């Protein structure tokens, strides 16, 4: 009886070993299958910007990456001269420059003609005044400190009187002297020259303007236009020089 129990125990042990082997084989198969499935399953695709989205929209560090636009500089680092250069232009004419009357004879093409000594009247909505060129002659007076000295200097005396309106000033900005060929003469200044002043009716003011002219000048045309009241007509006074 004892021998039979031992034999049964040995047989039971023998049966348990294959079962354990089968269990281990099943575990190995499951592990291998999981590994193969993990290898076959694709990883999640990264988030990419949609078509047409700029790269800087997806930047995470806050910095904008370089765009595909062409640089503003040409190869070699040379900038476009037109874009880097300040645009500056000098007027072809000195018209409107402070202290220098306009130099366009065409502006006086419709001017009314007067003579030296004529009392010329000007009337606007807010004022009226009288102007008279009292004399024209050559002068020997000069400014020794002037940058250049003309061959001759023409001195023009004039007088103006306001009739109505505010105080009046008639200065060299309103006058211009042209030679016979249409050349505009340059203003000239010398010490003790009578300068215009602001006057109110019924006061009058006597003043002088001077121009440099080439040697041998015999004729010229003095033109006047009120620089403060463009609606007033222009006048011209032919002058003879001797």
C-alpha atoms as a PDB file:
ATOM      1  CA  UNK A   1       0.000   0.000   0.000  1.00  0.00           C
ATOM      2  CA  UNK A   2       2.836   2.330   0.794  1.00  0.00           C
ATOM      3  CA  UNK A   3       4.489   1.604  -2.530  1.00  0.00           C
ATOM      4  CA  UNK A   4       1.302   2.495  -4.349  1.00  0.00           C
ATOM      5  CA  UNK A   5       1.133   5.944  -2.686  1.00  0.00           C
ATOM      6  CA  UNK A   6       4.746   6.672  -3.664  1.00  0.00           C
ATOM      7  CA  UNK A   7       4.050   5.692  -7.240  1.00  0.00           C
ATOM      8  CA  UNK A   8       0.988   7.903  -7.391  1.00  0.00           C
ATOM      9  CA  UNK A   9       3.028  10.835  -6.056  1.00  0.00           C
ATOM     10  CA  UNK A  10       5.699  10.343  -8.713  1.00  0.00           C
ATOM     11  CA  UNK A  11       3.101  10.225 -11.478  1.00  0.00           C
ATOM     12  CA  UNK A  12       1.429  13.397 -10.249  1.00  0.00           C
ATOM     13  CA  UNK A  13       4.737  15.209 -10.222  1.00  0.00           C
ATOM     14  CA  UNK A  14       5.436  14.058 -13.742  1.00  0.00           C
ATOM     15  CA  UNK A  15       2.122  15.427 -14.932  1.00  0.00           C
ATOM     16  CA  UNK A  16       2.712  18.838 -13.317  1.00  0.00           C
ATOM     17  CA  UNK A  17       5.991  19.499 -15.189  1.00  0.00           C
ATOM     18  CA  UNK A  18       4.446  19.490 -18.744  1.00  0.00           C
ATOM     19  CA  UNK A  19       1.581  21.658 -17.517  1.00  0.00           C
ATOM     20  CA  UNK A  20       4.031  24.238 -16.198  1.00  0.00           C
ATOM     21  CA  UNK A  21       5.866  24.077 -19.490  1.00  0.00           C
ATOM     22  CA  UNK A  22       2.677  24.673 -21.399  1.00  0.00           C
ATOM     23  CA  UNK A  23       1.799  27.644 -19.191  1.00  0.00           C
ATOM     24  CA  UNK A  24       5.256  29.181 -19.710  1.00  0.00           C
ATOM     25  CA  UNK A  25       4.952  28.644 -23.445  1.00  0.00           C
ATOM     26  CA  UNK A  26       1.580  30.412 -23.483  1.00  0.00           C
ATOM     27  CA  UNK A  27       3.019  33.369 -21.522  1.00  0.00           C
ATOM     28  CA  UNK A  28       5.930  33.615 -23.947  1.00  0.00           C
ATOM     29  CA  UNK A  29       3.566  33.555 -26.907  1.00  0.00           C
ATOM     30  CA  UNK A  30       1.431  36.344 -25.391  1.00  0.00           C
ATOM     31  CA  UNK A  31       4.523  38.502 -24.723  1.00  0.00           C
ATOM     32  CA  UNK A  32       5.836  37.958 -28.257  1.00  0.00           C
ATOM     33  CA  UNK A  33       2.432  38.803 -29.764  1.00  0.00           C
ATOM     34  CA  UNK A  34       2.171  42.050 -27.740  1.00  0.00           C
ATOM     35  CA  UNK A  35       5.658  43.041 -28.868  1.00  0.00           C
ATOM     36  CA  UNK A  36       4.804  42.389 -32.526  1.00  0.00           C
ATOM     37  CA  UNK A  37       1.560  44.339 -32.278  1.00  0.00           C
ATOM     38  CA  UNK A  38       3.390  47.286 -30.687  1.00  0.00           C
ATOM     39  CA  UNK A  39       5.897  47.234 -33.523  1.00  0.00           C
ATOM     40  CA  UNK A  40       3.174  47.172 -36.192  1.00  0.00           C
ATOM     41  CA  UNK A  41       0.976  49.892 -34.628  1.00  0.00           C
ATOM     42  CA  UNK A  42       2.091  53.315 -36.021  1.00  0.00           C
ATOM     43  CA  UNK A  43       3.000  56.093 -33.616  1.00  0.00           C
ATOM     44  CA  UNK A  44       0.871  59.174 -33.396  1.00  0.00           C
ATOM     45  CA  UNK A  45       1.654  61.687 -36.155  1.00  0.00           C
ATOM     46  CA  UNK A  46       3.062  65.075 -34.920  1.00  0.00           C
ATOM     47  CA  UNK A  47       0.907  68.137 -35.103  1.00  0.00           C
ATOM     48  CA  UNK A  48       1.800  69.950 -38.302  1.00  0.00           C
ATOM     49  CA  UNK A  49       0.572  73.383 -39.461  1.00  0.00           C
ATOM     50  CA  UNK A  50      -2.201  73.276 -41.983  1.00  0.00           C
ATOM     51  CA  UNK A  51      -1.432  74.088 -45.589  1.00  0.00           C
ATOM     52  CA  UNK A  52      -0.935  77.835 -46.018  1.00  0.00           C
ATOM     53  CA  UNK A  53      -0.178  78.487 -42.328  1.00  0.00           C
ATOM     54  CA  UNK A  54       2.943  80.580 -41.775  1.00  0.00           C
ATOM     55  CA  UNK A  55       5.790  78.981 -39.897  1.00  0.00           C
ATOM     56  CA  UNK A  56       5.837  81.773 -37.321  1.00  0.00           C
ATOM     57  CA  UNK A  57       2.257  80.882 -36.325  1.00  0.00           C
ATOM     58  CA  UNK A  58       3.484  77.566 -34.878  1.00  0.00           C
ATOM     59  CA  UNK A  59       6.661  78.781 -33.254  1.00  0.00           C
ATOM     60  CA  UNK A  60       6.710  77.784 -29.583  1.00  0.00           C
ATOM     61  CA  UNK A  61       9.555  79.954 -28.337  1.00  0.00           C
ATOM     62  CA  UNK A  62       7.882  83.241 -29.327  1.00  0.00           C
ATOM     63  CA  UNK A  63      10.515  84.108 -31.921  1.00  0.00           C
ATOM     64  CA  UNK A  64       9.484  84.607 -35.509  1.00  0.00           C
ATOM     65  CA  UNK A  65      11.592  82.476 -37.820  1.00  0.00           C
ATOM     66  CA  UNK A  66      12.889  84.023 -41.035  1.00  0.00           C
ATOM     67  CA  UNK A  67      10.259  84.340 -43.726  1.00  0.00           C
ATOM     68  CA  UNK A  68      10.614  83.323 -47.347  1.00  0.00           C
ATOM     69  CA  UNK A  69      10.517  86.922 -48.503  1.00  0.00           C
ATOM     70  CA  UNK A  70      13.494  88.246 -50.412  1.00  0.00           C
ATOM     71  CA  UNK A  71      15.855  90.491 -48.445  1.00  0.00           C
ATOM     72  CA  UNK A  72      15.737  94.214 -49.036  1.00  0.00           C
ATOM     73  CA  UNK A  73      19.418  94.340 -49.816  1.00  0.00           C
ATOM     74  CA  UNK A  74      20.966  93.273 -53.075  1.00  0.00           C
ATOM     75  CA  UNK A  75      23.665  90.570 -53.228  1.00  0.00           C
ATOM     76  CA  UNK A  76      26.840  91.806 -51.637  1.00  0.00           C
ATOM     77  CA  UNK A  77      24.991  93.868 -49.023  1.00  0.00           C
ATOM     78  CA  UNK A  78      24.411  96.924 -51.222  1.00  0.00           C
ATOM     79  CA  UNK A  79      21.193  98.731 -50.371  1.00  0.00           C
ATOM     80  CA  UNK A  80      18.834 100.049 -52.963  1.00  0.00           C
ATOM     81  CA  UNK A  81      20.005 103.645 -53.328  1.00  0.00           C
ATOM     82  CA  UNK A  82      16.500 104.944 -54.040  1.00  0.00           C
ATOM     83  CA  UNK A  83      15.078 103.529 -50.797  1.00  0.00           C
ATOM     84  CA  UNK A  84      17.964 104.560 -48.537  1.00  0.00           C
ATOM     85  CA  UNK A  85      18.431 108.040 -49.842  1.00  0.00           C
ATOM     86  CA  UNK A  86      16.570 111.029 -48.588  1.00  0.00           C
ATOM     87  CA  UNK A  87      14.695 112.593 -51.334  1.00  0.00           C
ATOM     88  CA  UNK A  88      15.597 116.270 -51.561  1.00  0.00           C
ATOM     89  CA  UNK A  89      15.217 118.662 -54.495  1.00  0.00           C
ATOM     90  CA  UNK A  90      16.215 122.256 -55.059  1.00  0.00           C
ATOM     91  CA  UNK A  91      13.610 124.408 -56.795  1.00  0.00           C
ATOM     92  CA  UNK A  92      14.492 125.247 -60.363  1.00  0.00           C
ATOM     93  CA  UNK A  93      13.403 128.772 -59.631  1.00  0.00           C
ATOM     94  CA  UNK A  94      14.149 130.853 -56.562  1.00  0.00           C
ATOM     95  CA  UNK A  95      10.584 132.100 -56.600  1.00  0.00           C
ATOM     96  CA  UNK A  96       9.068 132.456 -53.153  1.00  0.00           C
ATOM     97  CA  UNK A  97      12.412 132.461 -51.331  1.00  0.00           C
ATOM     98  CA  UNK A  98      12.333 134.906 -48.458  1.00  0.00           C
ATOM     99  CA  UNK A  99      14.001 138.195 -49.361  1.00  0.00           C
ATOM    100  CA  UNK A 100      14.122 137.376 -53.104  1.00  0.00           C
ATOM    101  CA  UNK A 101      11.282 138.304 -55.432  1.00  0.00           C
ATOM    102  CA  UNK A 102      10.029 135.879 -58.045  1.00  0.00           C
ATOM    103  CA  UNK A 103      11.964 135.790 -61.292  1.00  0.00           C
ATOM    104  CA  UNK A 104       9.394 135.081 -63.982  1.00  0.00           C
ATOM    105  CA  UNK A 105       8.800 137.702 -66.631  1.00  0.00           C
ATOM    106  CA  UNK A 106       5.710 135.790 -67.780  1.00  0.00           C
ATOM    107  CA  UNK A 107       3.945 136.840 -64.567  1.00  0.00           C
ATOM    108  CA  UNK A 108       3.934 140.432 -65.832  1.00  0.00           C
ATOM    109  CA  UNK A 109       2.793 139.740 -69.387  1.00  0.00           C
ATOM    110  CA  UNK A 110      -0.614 141.309 -68.663  1.00  0.00           C
ATOM    111  CA  UNK A 111       0.686 144.090 -66.443  1.00  0.00           C
ATOM    112  CA  UNK A 112      -0.606 147.609 -66.959  1.00  0.00           C
ATOM    113  CA  UNK A 113       2.033 150.035 -68.104  1.00  0.00           C
ATOM    114  CA  UNK A 114       2.802 153.203 -66.188  1.00  0.00           C
ATOM    115  CA  UNK A 115       5.526 155.824 -66.188  1.00  0.00           C
ATOM    116  CA  UNK A 116       7.933 157.104 -63.556  1.00  0.00           C
ATOM    117  CA  UNK A 117       6.064 159.714 -61.510  1.00  0.00           C
ATOM    118  CA  UNK A 118       2.593 158.194 -62.041  1.00  0.00           C
ATOM    119  CA  UNK A 119       0.400 157.816 -58.984  1.00  0.00           C
ATOM    120  CA  UNK A 120      -0.770 154.210 -59.205  1.00  0.00           C
ATOM    121  CA  UNK A 121      -3.842 153.164 -57.194  1.00  0.00           C
ATOM    122  CA  UNK A 122      -4.522 149.684 -55.857  1.00  0.00           C
ATOM    123  CA  UNK A 123      -7.846 148.644 -54.363  1.00  0.00           C
ATOM    124  CA  UNK A 124      -8.891 145.375 -52.729  1.00  0.00           C
ATOM    125  CA  UNK A 125     -11.785 144.391 -50.482  1.00  0.00           C
ATOM    126  CA  UNK A 126      -9.878 145.138 -47.292  1.00  0.00           C
ATOM    127  CA  UNK A 127      -7.535 147.948 -48.325  1.00  0.00           C
ATOM    128  CA  UNK A 128      -6.574 150.593 -50.838  1.00  0.00           C
ATOM    129  CA  UNK A 129      -3.301 152.467 -51.316  1.00  0.00           C
ATOM    130  CA  UNK A 130      -1.276 154.548 -53.747  1.00  0.00           C
ATOM    131  CA  UNK A 131       2.209 153.861 -55.090  1.00  0.00           C
ATOM    132  CA  UNK A 132       4.534 156.177 -56.997  1.00  0.00           C
ATOM    133  CA  UNK A 133       8.009 155.498 -58.407  1.00  0.00           C
ATOM    134  CA  UNK A 134       9.564 158.920 -57.896  1.00  0.00           C
ATOM    135  CA  UNK A 135      12.969 158.419 -59.478  1.00  0.00           C
ATOM    136  CA  UNK A 136      15.396 156.021 -61.208  1.00  0.00           C
ATOM    137  CA  UNK A 137      19.131 156.613 -61.561  1.00  0.00           C
ATOM    138  CA  UNK A 138      22.576 155.025 -61.354  1.00  0.00           C
ATOM    139  CA  UNK A 139      24.369 155.299 -58.025  1.00  0.00           C
ATOM    140  CA  UNK A 140      27.999 155.081 -56.989  1.00  0.00           C
ATOM    141  CA  UNK A 141      27.098 153.845 -53.527  1.00  0.00           C
ATOM    142  CA  UNK A 142      28.486 150.396 -52.756  1.00  0.00           C
ATOM    143  CA  UNK A 143      28.807 147.902 -49.949  1.00  0.00           C
ATOM    144  CA  UNK A 144      32.521 147.179 -49.637  1.00  0.00           C
ATOM    145  CA  UNK A 145      31.753 143.964 -47.757  1.00  0.00           C
ATOM    146  CA  UNK A 146      29.493 142.524 -50.464  1.00  0.00           C
ATOM    147  CA  UNK A 147      30.501 139.118 -51.816  1.00  0.00           C
ATOM    148  CA  UNK A 148      30.390 140.438 -55.389  1.00  0.00           C
ATOM    149  CA  UNK A 149      30.213 143.855 -56.963  1.00  0.00           C
ATOM    150  CA  UNK A 150      28.026 144.499 -60.025  1.00  0.00           C
ATOM    151  CA  UNK A 151      29.243 146.666 -62.895  1.00  0.00           C
ATOM    152  CA  UNK A 152      26.556 149.250 -62.193  1.00  0.00           C
ATOM    153  CA  UNK A 153      23.849 149.781 -59.573  1.00  0.00           C
ATOM    154  CA  UNK A 154      20.420 151.197 -60.388  1.00  0.00           C
ATOM    155  CA  UNK A 155      18.749 153.040 -57.515  1.00  0.00           C
ATOM    156  CA  UNK A 156      14.947 153.314 -57.516  1.00  0.00           C
ATOM    157  CA  UNK A 157      13.089 155.700 -55.216  1.00  0.00           C
ATOM    158  CA  UNK A 158       9.427 155.081 -54.478  1.00  0.00           C
ATOM    159  CA  UNK A 159       6.674 156.229 -52.138  1.00  0.00           C
ATOM    160  CA  UNK A 160       3.488 154.551 -50.923  1.00  0.00           C
ATOM    161  CA  UNK A 161       0.475 155.821 -48.983  1.00  0.00           C
ATOM    162  CA  UNK A 162      -2.286 153.681 -47.457  1.00  0.00           C
ATOM    163  CA  UNK A 163      -5.793 155.087 -47.950  1.00  0.00           C
ATOM    164  CA  UNK A 164      -7.992 152.548 -46.178  1.00  0.00           C
ATOM    165  CA  UNK A 165      -7.411 149.311 -44.343  1.00  0.00           C
ATOM    166  CA  UNK A 166      -4.662 148.128 -42.028  1.00  0.00           C
ATOM    167  CA  UNK A 167      -1.087 149.344 -41.857  1.00  0.00           C
ATOM    168  CA  UNK A 168       0.860 148.878 -45.100  1.00  0.00           C
ATOM    169  CA  UNK A 169       4.387 147.757 -45.953  1.00  0.00           C
ATOM    170  CA  UNK A 170       5.703 147.789 -49.530  1.00  0.00           C
ATOM    171  CA  UNK A 171       9.170 146.230 -49.673  1.00  0.00           C
ATOM    172  CA  UNK A 172      11.532 144.794 -52.291  1.00  0.00           C
ATOM    173  CA  UNK A 173       9.567 141.526 -52.334  1.00  0.00           C
ATOM    174  CA  UNK A 174       6.994 143.262 -54.521  1.00  0.00           C
ATOM    175  CA  UNK A 175       9.421 144.671 -57.095  1.00  0.00           C
ATOM    176  CA  UNK A 176      11.545 143.195 -59.835  1.00  0.00           C
ATOM    177  CA  UNK A 177      13.792 144.693 -62.477  1.00  0.00           C
ATOM    178  CA  UNK A 178      14.191 143.060 -65.907  1.00  0.00           C
ATOM    179  CA  UNK A 179      16.631 143.844 -68.687  1.00  0.00           C
ATOM    180  CA  UNK A 180      15.425 144.138 -72.280  1.00  0.00           C
ATOM    181  CA  UNK A 181      16.249 140.491 -72.957  1.00  0.00           C
ATOM    182  CA  UNK A 182      14.124 139.371 -69.998  1.00  0.00           C
ATOM    183  CA  UNK A 183      17.017 138.736 -67.594  1.00  0.00           C
ATOM    184  CA  UNK A 184      16.059 139.369 -63.971  1.00  0.00           C
ATOM    185  CA  UNK A 185      18.453 141.639 -62.086  1.00  0.00           C
ATOM    186  CA  UNK A 186      19.761 140.867 -58.618  1.00  0.00           C
ATOM    187  CA  UNK A 187      18.906 143.038 -55.653  1.00  0.00           C
ATOM    188  CA  UNK A 188      21.747 145.045 -54.160  1.00  0.00           C
ATOM    189  CA  UNK A 189      22.079 146.557 -50.698  1.00  0.00           C
ATOM    190  CA  UNK A 190      24.372 149.268 -49.374  1.00  0.00           C
ATOM    191  CA  UNK A 191      24.660 151.260 -46.135  1.00  0.00           C
ATOM    192  CA  UNK A 192      22.303 154.232 -45.636  1.00  0.00           C
ATOM    193  CA  UNK A 193      19.804 152.814 -48.114  1.00  0.00           C
ATOM    194  CA  UNK A 194      16.264 153.969 -47.289  1.00  0.00           C
ATOM    195  CA  UNK A 195      14.315 150.958 -46.074  1.00  0.00           C
ATOM    196  CA  UNK A 196      10.504 150.704 -46.075  1.00  0.00           C
ATOM    197  CA  UNK A 197       8.467 150.754 -42.880  1.00  0.00           C
ATOM    198  CA  UNK A 198       4.949 149.901 -41.775  1.00  0.00           C
ATOM    199  CA  UNK A 199       2.655 152.935 -42.023  1.00  0.00           C
ATOM    200  CA  UNK A 200      -1.042 153.620 -41.543  1.00  0.00           C
ATOM    201  CA  UNK A 201      -3.265 156.135 -43.320  1.00  0.00           C
ATOM    202  CA  UNK A 202      -2.800 158.951 -43.871  1.00  0.00           C
ATOM    203  CA  UNK A 203       0.973 158.577 -43.416  1.00  0.00           C
ATOM    204  CA  UNK A 204       3.330 157.976 -46.337  1.00  0.00           C
ATOM    205  CA  UNK A 205       6.663 156.201 -46.554  1.00  0.00           C
ATOM    206  CA  UNK A 206       9.596 156.889 -48.881  1.00  0.00           C
ATOM    207  CA  UNK A 207      11.993 154.023 -49.557  1.00  0.00           C
ATOM    208  CA  UNK A 208      14.647 152.764 -51.993  1.00  0.00           C
ATOM    209  CA  UNK A 209      15.523 149.549 -53.765  1.00  0.00           C
ATOM    210  CA  UNK A 210      18.674 148.894 -55.775  1.00  0.00           C
ATOM    211  CA  UNK A 211      19.654 146.386 -58.464  1.00  0.00           C
ATOM    212  CA  UNK A 212      22.945 145.369 -59.970  1.00  0.00           C
ATOM    213  CA  UNK A 213      23.036 145.621 -63.775  1.00  0.00           C
ATOM    214  CA  UNK A 214      25.672 144.946 -66.453  1.00  0.00           C
ATOM    215  CA  UNK A 215      27.783 147.825 -67.707  1.00  0.00           C
ATOM    216  CA  UNK A 216      26.199 149.677 -70.581  1.00  0.00           C
ATOM    217  CA  UNK A 217      22.585 148.984 -69.579  1.00  0.00           C
ATOM    218  CA  UNK A 218      20.367 151.667 -71.129  1.00  0.00           C
ATOM    219  CA  UNK A 219      16.850 150.305 -70.696  1.00  0.00           C
ATOM    220  CA  UNK A 220      15.013 148.115 -68.235  1.00  0.00           C
ATOM    221  CA  UNK A 221      11.498 147.378 -66.998  1.00  0.00           C
ATOM    222  CA  UNK A 222      10.508 147.756 -63.363  1.00  0.00           C
ATOM    223  CA  UNK A 223       7.613 145.457 -62.448  1.00  0.00           C
ATOM    224  CA  UNK A 224       5.433 145.566 -59.358  1.00  0.00           C
ATOM    225  CA  UNK A 225       3.104 142.983 -57.865  1.00  0.00           C
ATOM    226  CA  UNK A 226       1.590 143.127 -54.371  1.00  0.00           C
ATOM    227  CA  UNK A 227       3.025 139.961 -52.806  1.00  0.00           C
ATOM    228  CA  UNK A 228       0.406 140.046 -50.016  1.00  0.00           C
ATOM    229  CA  UNK A 229      -2.634 140.578 -52.243  1.00  0.00           C
ATOM    230  CA  UNK A 230      -2.363 138.492 -55.390  1.00  0.00           C
ATOM    231  CA  UNK A 231      -5.839 139.542 -56.493  1.00  0.00           C
ATOM    232  CA  UNK A 232      -4.489 143.002 -57.281  1.00  0.00           C
ATOM    233  CA  UNK A 233      -3.268 143.697 -60.778  1.00  0.00           C
ATOM    234  CA  UNK A 234       0.403 143.967 -61.724  1.00  0.00           C
ATOM    235  CA  UNK A 235       2.103 146.987 -63.250  1.00  0.00           C
ATOM    236  CA  UNK A 236       5.255 147.617 -65.277  1.00  0.00           C
ATOM    237  CA  UNK A 237       7.230 150.794 -65.670  1.00  0.00           C
ATOM    238  CA  UNK A 238       9.708 151.029 -68.554  1.00  0.00           C
ATOM    239  CA  UNK A 239      12.760 153.028 -67.523  1.00  0.00           C
ATOM    240  CA  UNK A 240      15.603 154.644 -69.426  1.00  0.00           C
ATOM    241  CA  UNK A 241      19.034 154.798 -67.838  1.00  0.00           C
ATOM    242  CA  UNK A 242      21.747 157.317 -68.669  1.00  0.00           C
END
